[in-house]
Amino acid sequence: MTARGDVYRFGPFRLDPEVGILFCEDEPTMLGQRAVALLQLLIQNAGQPVSK
């Protein structure tokens, strides 16, 4: 996993938060801003509880 401005890679997934696209293998899925922010938060805190 990498810092903001980069692409996060985890398992078969890649998240590009700048453009809001989540890739599973090579299949893109557009995400909204809130979904990207939430996924990015969960990735950055992997293995730790995250409060609401």
N, C-alpha and C. Protein backbone atom coordinates (compact mmCIF):
# COMPACT_ATOMS: atom_id res chain seq x y z
N MET A 1 0.84 -1.18 0.00
CA MET A 1 0.00 0.00 0.00
C MET A 1 0.89 1.24 0.00
N THR A 2 0.40 2.29 -0.61
CA THR A 2 1.21 3.48 -0.75
C THR A 2 0.48 4.71 -0.23
N ALA A 3 1.15 5.83 -0.23
CA ALA A 3 0.61 7.07 0.32
C ALA A 3 -0.36 7.76 -0.64
N ARG A 4 -1.01 8.80 -0.13
CA ARG A 4 -1.97 9.59 -0.92
C ARG A 4 -1.31 10.08 -2.20
N GLY A 5 -2.10 10.12 -3.27
CA GLY A 5 -1.57 10.54 -4.56
C GLY A 5 -1.09 9.37 -5.39
N ASP A 6 -1.01 8.20 -4.77
CA ASP A 6 -0.56 7.00 -5.45
C ASP A 6 -1.70 6.01 -5.55
N VAL A 7 -1.40 4.86 -6.09
CA VAL A 7 -2.38 3.79 -6.21
C VAL A 7 -2.16 2.80 -5.07
N TYR A 8 -3.24 2.43 -4.39
CA TYR A 8 -3.18 1.43 -3.32
C TYR A 8 -3.39 0.06 -3.96
N ARG A 9 -2.56 -0.90 -3.61
CA ARG A 9 -2.68 -2.26 -4.13
C ARG A 9 -2.87 -3.21 -2.96
N PHE A 10 -3.90 -4.05 -3.06
CA PHE A 10 -4.17 -5.03 -2.02
C PHE A 10 -4.91 -6.20 -2.65
N GLY A 11 -4.31 -7.39 -2.50
CA GLY A 11 -4.88 -8.58 -3.14
C GLY A 11 -5.03 -8.35 -4.63
N PRO A 12 -6.18 -8.73 -5.20
CA PRO A 12 -6.38 -8.53 -6.64
C PRO A 12 -6.88 -7.12 -6.98
N PHE A 13 -6.90 -6.22 -5.99
CA PHE A 13 -7.48 -4.90 -6.16
C PHE A 13 -6.42 -3.80 -6.28
N ARG A 14 -6.81 -2.74 -6.99
CA ARG A 14 -6.03 -1.50 -7.05
C ARG A 14 -7.02 -0.36 -6.89
N LEU A 15 -6.71 0.58 -6.02
CA LEU A 15 -7.55 1.76 -5.84
C LEU A 15 -6.77 2.98 -6.27
N ASP A 16 -7.33 3.73 -7.21
CA ASP A 16 -6.75 5.01 -7.61
C ASP A 16 -7.67 6.09 -7.06
N PRO A 17 -7.34 6.63 -5.88
CA PRO A 17 -8.23 7.59 -5.25
C PRO A 17 -8.34 8.92 -5.99
N GLU A 18 -7.35 9.27 -6.77
CA GLU A 18 -7.39 10.54 -7.51
C GLU A 18 -8.51 10.57 -8.54
N VAL A 19 -8.77 9.44 -9.18
CA VAL A 19 -9.82 9.39 -10.20
C VAL A 19 -11.05 8.61 -9.74
N GLY A 20 -10.98 8.00 -8.54
CA GLY A 20 -12.13 7.29 -7.98
C GLY A 20 -12.44 5.98 -8.66
N ILE A 21 -11.41 5.24 -9.04
CA ILE A 21 -11.63 3.95 -9.70
C ILE A 21 -11.00 2.83 -8.87
N LEU A 22 -11.79 1.79 -8.64
CA LEU A 22 -11.31 0.57 -8.00
C LEU A 22 -11.23 -0.50 -9.08
N PHE A 23 -10.08 -1.11 -9.20
CA PHE A 23 -9.90 -2.19 -10.17
C PHE A 23 -9.86 -3.51 -9.44
N CYS A 24 -10.57 -4.50 -9.94
CA CYS A 24 -10.45 -5.89 -9.49
C CYS A 24 -9.84 -6.61 -10.69
N GLU A 25 -8.55 -7.00 -10.53
CA GLU A 25 -7.77 -7.48 -11.66
C GLU A 25 -7.70 -6.31 -12.64
N ASP A 26 -8.31 -6.42 -13.82
CA ASP A 26 -8.30 -5.30 -14.77
C ASP A 26 -9.69 -4.72 -15.00
N GLU A 27 -10.65 -5.11 -14.17
CA GLU A 27 -12.03 -4.66 -14.31
C GLU A 27 -12.26 -3.40 -13.47
N PRO A 28 -12.49 -2.23 -14.11
CA PRO A 28 -12.66 -0.99 -13.35
C PRO A 28 -14.09 -0.82 -12.81
N THR A 29 -14.18 -0.21 -11.63
CA THR A 29 -15.46 0.16 -11.04
C THR A 29 -15.33 1.58 -10.53
N MET A 30 -16.20 2.47 -11.02
CA MET A 30 -16.18 3.86 -10.57
C MET A 30 -16.80 3.93 -9.17
N LEU A 31 -16.17 4.69 -8.30
CA LEU A 31 -16.66 4.89 -6.94
C LEU A 31 -16.92 6.38 -6.71
N GLY A 32 -17.87 6.66 -5.82
CA GLY A 32 -18.11 8.04 -5.42
C GLY A 32 -17.05 8.50 -4.43
N GLN A 33 -17.04 9.80 -4.16
CA GLN A 33 -16.03 10.37 -3.27
C GLN A 33 -16.06 9.78 -1.87
N ARG A 34 -17.27 9.58 -1.32
CA ARG A 34 -17.37 9.03 0.04
C ARG A 34 -16.87 7.60 0.09
N ALA A 35 -17.19 6.81 -0.93
CA ALA A 35 -16.74 5.42 -0.97
C ALA A 35 -15.21 5.36 -1.08
N VAL A 36 -14.63 6.23 -1.89
CA VAL A 36 -13.17 6.27 -2.03
C VAL A 36 -12.53 6.65 -0.71
N ALA A 37 -13.08 7.67 -0.05
CA ALA A 37 -12.52 8.13 1.23
C ALA A 37 -12.60 7.04 2.29
N LEU A 38 -13.73 6.33 2.34
CA LEU A 38 -13.90 5.25 3.32
C LEU A 38 -12.95 4.10 3.03
N LEU A 39 -12.87 3.69 1.79
CA LEU A 39 -11.97 2.59 1.43
C LEU A 39 -10.52 2.96 1.70
N GLN A 40 -10.15 4.19 1.39
CA GLN A 40 -8.79 4.66 1.64
C GLN A 40 -8.49 4.64 3.14
N LEU A 41 -9.44 5.07 3.97
CA LEU A 41 -9.27 5.04 5.42
C LEU A 41 -9.09 3.61 5.92
N LEU A 42 -9.91 2.70 5.43
CA LEU A 42 -9.80 1.30 5.85
C LEU A 42 -8.48 0.68 5.41
N ILE A 43 -8.02 1.01 4.22
CA ILE A 43 -6.73 0.49 3.73
C ILE A 43 -5.59 1.01 4.60
N GLN A 44 -5.63 2.29 4.90
CA GLN A 44 -4.56 2.90 5.69
C GLN A 44 -4.51 2.37 7.12
N ASN A 45 -5.64 1.85 7.60
CA ASN A 45 -5.72 1.33 8.97
C ASN A 45 -5.98 -0.18 8.97
N ALA A 46 -5.48 -0.87 7.97
CA ALA A 46 -5.70 -2.31 7.85
C ALA A 46 -5.29 -3.04 9.12
N GLY A 47 -6.18 -3.91 9.59
CA GLY A 47 -5.90 -4.71 10.78
C GLY A 47 -6.19 -3.99 12.08
N GLN A 48 -6.69 -2.76 12.00
CA GLN A 48 -7.00 -1.99 13.20
C GLN A 48 -8.47 -1.58 13.17
N PRO A 49 -9.11 -1.50 14.34
CA PRO A 49 -10.48 -1.00 14.37
C PRO A 49 -10.51 0.48 13.99
N VAL A 50 -11.57 0.87 13.29
CA VAL A 50 -11.74 2.26 12.88
C VAL A 50 -13.08 2.73 13.43
N SER A 51 -13.08 3.86 14.12
CA SER A 51 -14.33 4.38 14.68
C SER A 51 -15.13 5.11 13.61
N LYS A 52 -16.42 5.26 13.87
CA LYS A 52 -17.29 5.99 12.96
C LYS A 52 -16.89 7.43 12.96
